[in-house]
Amino acid sequence: MLLINRSGMLAAGLAAALLSSTPVAISPAMAQLSFGFSVGGRDHPPPPREEVRPPSPHEGWAWRAGHWGYRDGGYVWIGGDWIEPPYATAAWIPGHWIERDGRQIWIEGHWEG
């Protein structure tokens, strides 16, 4: 028997709503499409921390800024890092928090272009 808790049902419902309401154009460069999110608490996350961005390890890499994640009932800081684009024309779209049904939802950053 499969048991799903309230957070799991909220996450599944949010994923279905976002995917069914968002038009997506798939190009050959986007052979793999990934979408990530996580459910946070009822309170808004703290303001972002100021980060010192180290030099890029390679030309063309994108900076993924640090953000607050939600773990074990509280917000924890996840530091920024440099990430390699999956293809030459890819542009990094940063992640962000949204509020749905009284809960904070983290929408993961992703590549476009």
Protein backbone atom coordinates (compact mmCIF):
# COMPACT_ATOMS: atom_id res chain seq x y z
CA MET A 1 0.00 0.00 0.00
CA LEU A 2 1.34 3.47 -0.96
CA LEU A 3 1.12 6.18 1.69
CA ILE A 4 1.53 9.85 0.78
CA ASN A 5 1.70 12.54 3.45
CA ARG A 6 0.19 16.02 3.15
CA SER A 7 3.48 17.58 1.96
CA GLY A 8 3.78 14.90 -0.71
CA MET A 9 0.24 15.56 -1.91
CA LEU A 10 0.90 19.32 -1.96
CA ALA A 11 4.12 18.80 -3.92
CA ALA A 12 2.48 16.48 -6.43
CA GLY A 13 -0.46 18.85 -6.88
CA LEU A 14 1.85 21.83 -7.33
CA ALA A 15 3.94 20.00 -9.91
CA ALA A 16 0.85 18.99 -11.86
CA ALA A 17 -0.56 22.53 -11.75
CA LEU A 18 2.69 24.17 -12.80
CA LEU A 19 3.37 21.72 -15.60
CA SER A 20 -0.16 21.82 -16.96
CA SER A 21 -0.41 25.63 -16.88
CA THR A 22 3.01 26.49 -18.27
CA PRO A 23 3.50 26.36 -22.04
CA VAL A 24 6.75 24.59 -22.84
CA ALA A 25 8.47 24.60 -26.21
CA ILE A 26 10.95 21.78 -26.61
CA SER A 27 13.89 22.34 -28.92
CA PRO A 28 16.45 19.73 -29.97
CA ALA A 29 18.88 21.30 -27.49
CA MET A 30 16.38 20.57 -24.70
CA ALA A 31 16.23 16.83 -25.15
CA GLN A 32 16.14 16.52 -21.38
CA LEU A 33 13.77 18.73 -19.41
CA SER A 34 14.03 18.85 -15.65
CA PHE A 35 11.90 20.74 -13.19
CA GLY A 36 12.64 20.97 -9.52
CA PHE A 37 10.92 22.41 -6.50
CA SER A 38 10.75 21.85 -2.77
CA VAL A 39 8.13 22.67 -0.16
CA GLY A 40 9.19 25.07 2.58
CA GLY A 41 7.54 26.32 5.72
CA ARG A 42 4.67 28.69 6.32
CA ASP A 43 7.01 31.59 7.15
CA HIS A 44 8.89 33.42 4.41
CA PRO A 45 12.60 32.59 4.18
CA PRO A 46 15.05 35.18 5.58
CA PRO A 47 16.51 37.78 3.21
CA PRO A 48 19.33 36.46 1.01
CA ARG A 49 22.84 36.66 2.43
CA GLU A 50 25.52 38.72 0.77
CA GLU A 51 28.04 36.43 -0.90
CA VAL A 52 31.54 37.00 -2.15
CA ARG A 53 31.60 35.54 -5.64
CA PRO A 54 34.95 33.88 -6.32
CA PRO A 55 36.42 34.11 -9.83
CA SER A 56 34.84 31.77 -12.37
CA PRO A 57 36.82 28.53 -12.79
CA HIS A 58 36.15 28.59 -16.56
CA GLU A 59 35.02 31.17 -19.11
CA GLY A 60 31.30 30.96 -19.87
CA TRP A 61 30.23 29.35 -16.58
CA ALA A 62 27.23 30.85 -14.74
CA TRP A 63 27.03 31.88 -11.10
CA ARG A 64 24.22 30.12 -9.22
CA ALA A 65 23.56 32.47 -6.29
CA GLY A 66 23.12 31.11 -2.80
CA HIS A 67 19.62 30.78 -1.39
CA TRP A 68 17.69 29.58 1.62
CA GLY A 69 16.62 25.94 1.50
CA TYR A 70 14.18 24.25 3.87
CA ARG A 71 15.47 21.25 5.83
CA ASP A 72 14.22 19.54 9.00
CA GLY A 73 11.63 22.21 9.79
CA GLY A 74 13.83 25.29 9.27
CA TYR A 75 15.59 27.40 6.68
CA VAL A 76 19.27 26.71 5.99
CA TRP A 77 21.64 28.68 3.77
CA ILE A 78 22.91 26.95 0.62
CA GLY A 79 25.95 28.78 -0.70
CA GLY A 80 26.32 29.83 -4.32
CA ASP A 81 28.58 28.14 -6.82
CA TRP A 82 29.70 28.19 -10.44
CA ILE A 83 27.94 25.84 -12.86
CA GLU A 84 28.79 24.75 -16.37
CA PRO A 85 26.18 25.39 -19.07
CA PRO A 86 24.89 22.22 -20.75
CA TYR A 87 25.27 23.82 -24.22
CA ALA A 88 26.69 27.03 -25.73
CA THR A 89 23.49 29.12 -25.90
CA ALA A 90 22.15 28.15 -22.44
CA ALA A 91 21.24 30.97 -20.04
CA TRP A 92 20.83 30.38 -16.30
CA ILE A 93 17.44 31.35 -14.87
CA PRO A 94 17.78 31.74 -11.07
CA GLY A 95 15.58 29.87 -8.61
CA HIS A 96 13.04 31.73 -6.47
CA TRP A 97 10.49 31.33 -3.69
CA ILE A 98 6.75 31.58 -4.32
CA GLU A 99 3.80 31.24 -1.94
CA ARG A 100 1.01 28.75 -2.63
CA ASP A 101 -1.76 27.74 -0.24
CA GLY A 102 0.00 29.31 2.74
CA ARG A 103 3.30 27.47 2.11
CA GLN A 104 6.58 28.66 0.67
CA ILE A 105 7.68 26.76 -2.44
CA TRP A 106 11.23 26.90 -3.84
CA ILE A 107 11.33 26.75 -7.64
CA GLU A 108 14.76 25.52 -8.72
CA GLY A 109 16.84 27.49 -11.19
CA HIS A 110 17.14 26.06 -14.68
CA TRP A 111 18.77 26.52 -18.07
CA GLU A 112 16.97 28.13 -21.03
CA GLY A 113 17.92 29.06 -24.56
